[in-house]
Amino acid sequence: MASRKDYLDFILDQLSELNEISYRAMMGEYVLYYRGKVFGGIYDDRFLVKPTKTASSMMPDAAREQPYEGAKEMILVDDVENKEFLRDLVESMWAELPNKKR
């Protein structure tokens, strides 16, 4: 099942306090970037983030799910209504994310 554009738009609105948020459509899903680094994505209308140390500590009880079959597990973000939490989460994760591949 592909993700709906309106769910992407909702998540982007929730992240609107952050500068330099972008996305790329890939096979019906959306990869999310912050300041040039991939931090998560929208998969089957689920907001998933990379399992960094910070993300794991901020959401210790969050479910881990595969974005698609055969992929590494990511953390499911349940609290998508809380703009401040989402801003803090993404900002805090940034230093732990790998640099963009050349």
C-alpha atoms as a PDB file:
ATOM      1  CA  MET A   1       0.000   0.000   0.000  1.00  0.00           C
ATOM      2  CA  ALA A   2       1.438   3.384  -0.965  1.00  0.00           C
ATOM      3  CA  SER A   3       1.338   6.347   1.377  1.00  0.00           C
ATOM      4  CA  ARG A   4      -1.154   9.138   0.816  1.00  0.00           C
ATOM      5  CA  LYS A   5       0.149  12.593  -0.087  1.00  0.00           C
ATOM      6  CA  ASP A   6      -2.193  14.171   2.463  1.00  0.00           C
ATOM      7  CA  TYR A   7      -0.520  12.180   5.276  1.00  0.00           C
ATOM      8  CA  LEU A   8       2.886  13.407   4.071  1.00  0.00           C
ATOM      9  CA  ASP A   9       1.514  16.969   4.026  1.00  0.00           C
ATOM     10  CA  PHE A  10       0.246  16.526   7.600  1.00  0.00           C
ATOM     11  CA  ILE A  11       3.661  15.329   8.830  1.00  0.00           C
ATOM     12  CA  LEU A  12       5.437  18.130   6.950  1.00  0.00           C
ATOM     13  CA  ASP A  13       3.097  20.630   8.608  1.00  0.00           C
ATOM     14  CA  GLN A  14       3.892  19.100  12.003  1.00  0.00           C
ATOM     15  CA  LEU A  15       7.603  19.566  11.229  1.00  0.00           C
ATOM     16  CA  SER A  16       7.136  23.106   9.885  1.00  0.00           C
ATOM     17  CA  GLU A  17       9.040  24.677  12.800  1.00  0.00           C
ATOM     18  CA  LEU A  18      12.231  23.122  11.390  1.00  0.00           C
ATOM     19  CA  ASN A  19      14.094  24.733   8.512  1.00  0.00           C
ATOM     20  CA  GLU A  20      15.555  22.553   5.797  1.00  0.00           C
ATOM     21  CA  ILE A  21      13.014  19.707   5.890  1.00  0.00           C
ATOM     22  CA  SER A  22      12.657  18.062   2.504  1.00  0.00           C
ATOM     23  CA  TYR A  23      11.417  14.810   1.050  1.00  0.00           C
ATOM     24  CA  ARG A  24      11.809  12.546  -1.940  1.00  0.00           C
ATOM     25  CA  ALA A  25       9.091  10.305  -3.339  1.00  0.00           C
ATOM     26  CA  MET A  26      10.265   6.719  -3.793  1.00  0.00           C
ATOM     27  CA  MET A  27       8.056   3.895  -5.041  1.00  0.00           C
ATOM     28  CA  GLY A  28       4.871   5.285  -3.487  1.00  0.00           C
ATOM     29  CA  GLU A  29       6.542   6.210  -0.194  1.00  0.00           C
ATOM     30  CA  TYR A  30       8.419   9.301   1.023  1.00  0.00           C
ATOM     31  CA  VAL A  31      11.955   9.592   2.393  1.00  0.00           C
ATOM     32  CA  LEU A  32      12.388  12.540   4.781  1.00  0.00           C
ATOM     33  CA  TYR A  33      15.521  14.680   5.115  1.00  0.00           C
ATOM     34  CA  TYR A  34      16.606  17.244   7.674  1.00  0.00           C
ATOM     35  CA  ARG A  35      19.530  19.497   6.758  1.00  0.00           C
ATOM     36  CA  GLY A  36      20.505  17.072   4.016  1.00  0.00           C
ATOM     37  CA  LYS A  37      20.455  13.867   6.085  1.00  0.00           C
ATOM     38  CA  VAL A  38      17.848  11.097   5.933  1.00  0.00           C
ATOM     39  CA  PHE A  39      16.121  10.814   9.300  1.00  0.00           C
ATOM     40  CA  GLY A  40      13.026   8.803   8.439  1.00  0.00           C
ATOM     41  CA  GLY A  41      10.113   8.513   6.123  1.00  0.00           C
ATOM     42  CA  ILE A  42       6.457   7.889   5.488  1.00  0.00           C
ATOM     43  CA  TYR A  43       5.769   4.221   4.754  1.00  0.00           C
ATOM     44  CA  ASP A  44       2.223   2.872   4.418  1.00  0.00           C
ATOM     45  CA  ASP A  45       0.985   6.054   6.121  1.00  0.00           C
ATOM     46  CA  ARG A  46       3.273   5.456   9.115  1.00  0.00           C
ATOM     47  CA  PHE A  47       5.871   7.984  10.255  1.00  0.00           C
ATOM     48  CA  LEU A  48       9.057   6.014  10.920  1.00  0.00           C
ATOM     49  CA  VAL A  49      12.451   7.348  12.026  1.00  0.00           C
ATOM     50  CA  LYS A  50      15.914   5.835  12.101  1.00  0.00           C
ATOM     51  CA  PRO A  51      16.698   4.035  15.361  1.00  0.00           C
ATOM     52  CA  THR A  52      19.377   6.407  16.616  1.00  0.00           C
ATOM     53  CA  LYS A  53      20.433   6.381  20.246  1.00  0.00           C
ATOM     54  CA  THR A  54      18.568   9.660  20.818  1.00  0.00           C
ATOM     55  CA  ALA A  55      15.361   8.522  19.112  1.00  0.00           C
ATOM     56  CA  SER A  56      15.415   5.288  21.108  1.00  0.00           C
ATOM     57  CA  SER A  57      15.856   7.171  24.380  1.00  0.00           C
ATOM     58  CA  MET A  58      13.112   9.687  23.558  1.00  0.00           C
ATOM     59  CA  MET A  59      10.672   6.897  22.629  1.00  0.00           C
ATOM     60  CA  PRO A  60      11.748   3.894  24.739  1.00  0.00           C
ATOM     61  CA  ASP A  61       8.442   2.052  24.394  1.00  0.00           C
ATOM     62  CA  ALA A  62       7.850   2.772  20.710  1.00  0.00           C
ATOM     63  CA  ALA A  63       7.252  -0.106  18.330  1.00  0.00           C
ATOM     64  CA  ARG A  64       9.919  -1.023  15.827  1.00  0.00           C
ATOM     65  CA  GLU A  65       8.653  -1.791  12.377  1.00  0.00           C
ATOM     66  CA  GLN A  66      10.031  -2.488   8.939  1.00  0.00           C
ATOM     67  CA  PRO A  67       9.276   0.255   6.419  1.00  0.00           C
ATOM     68  CA  TYR A  68       9.017  -2.449   3.752  1.00  0.00           C
ATOM     69  CA  GLU A  69       9.805  -6.134   3.507  1.00  0.00           C
ATOM     70  CA  GLY A  70      13.500  -6.868   3.893  1.00  0.00           C
ATOM     71  CA  ALA A  71      14.395  -3.447   5.321  1.00  0.00           C
ATOM     72  CA  LYS A  72      15.998  -2.706   8.673  1.00  0.00           C
ATOM     73  CA  GLU A  73      13.565  -1.868  11.457  1.00  0.00           C
ATOM     74  CA  MET A  74      12.788   1.739  12.230  1.00  0.00           C
ATOM     75  CA  ILE A  75      10.985   3.397  15.131  1.00  0.00           C
ATOM     76  CA  LEU A  76       7.275   4.107  14.733  1.00  0.00           C
ATOM     77  CA  VAL A  77       6.420   7.642  15.860  1.00  0.00           C
ATOM     78  CA  ASP A  78       3.011   7.531  17.532  1.00  0.00           C
ATOM     79  CA  ASP A  79       2.887  11.068  18.935  1.00  0.00           C
ATOM     80  CA  VAL A  80       2.508  12.812  15.571  1.00  0.00           C
ATOM     81  CA  GLU A  81       0.140  15.434  17.033  1.00  0.00           C
ATOM     82  CA  ASN A  82       2.866  16.933  19.259  1.00  0.00           C
ATOM     83  CA  LYS A  83       4.769  19.475  17.145  1.00  0.00           C
ATOM     84  CA  GLU A  84       7.237  20.360  19.897  1.00  0.00           C
ATOM     85  CA  PHE A  85       8.148  16.715  20.481  1.00  0.00           C
ATOM     86  CA  LEU A  86       8.635  16.113  16.758  1.00  0.00           C
ATOM     87  CA  ARG A  87      10.833  19.204  16.431  1.00  0.00           C
ATOM     88  CA  ASP A  88      12.966  18.156  19.407  1.00  0.00           C
ATOM     89  CA  LEU A  89      13.176  14.566  18.151  1.00  0.00           C
ATOM     90  CA  VAL A  90      14.418  15.454  14.668  1.00  0.00           C
ATOM     91  CA  GLU A  91      16.794  18.161  15.889  1.00  0.00           C
ATOM     92  CA  SER A  92      18.251  15.830  18.513  1.00  0.00           C
ATOM     93  CA  MET A  93      18.740  12.984  16.037  1.00  0.00           C
ATOM     94  CA  TRP A  94      20.574  15.070  13.446  1.00  0.00           C
ATOM     95  CA  ALA A  95      24.124  14.789  14.879  1.00  0.00           C
ATOM     96  CA  GLU A  96      23.824  10.989  15.017  1.00  0.00           C
ATOM     97  CA  LEU A  97      22.677  10.562  11.424  1.00  0.00           C
ATOM     98  CA  PRO A  98      25.173   9.480   8.767  1.00  0.00           C
ATOM     99  CA  ASN A  99      26.287  12.063   6.247  1.00  0.00           C
ATOM    100  CA  LYS A 100      24.765  11.995   2.800  1.00  0.00           C
ATOM    101  CA  LYS A 101      26.458   9.479   0.508  1.00  0.00           C
ATOM    102  CA  ARG A 102      28.303  11.028  -2.420  1.00  0.00           C
END
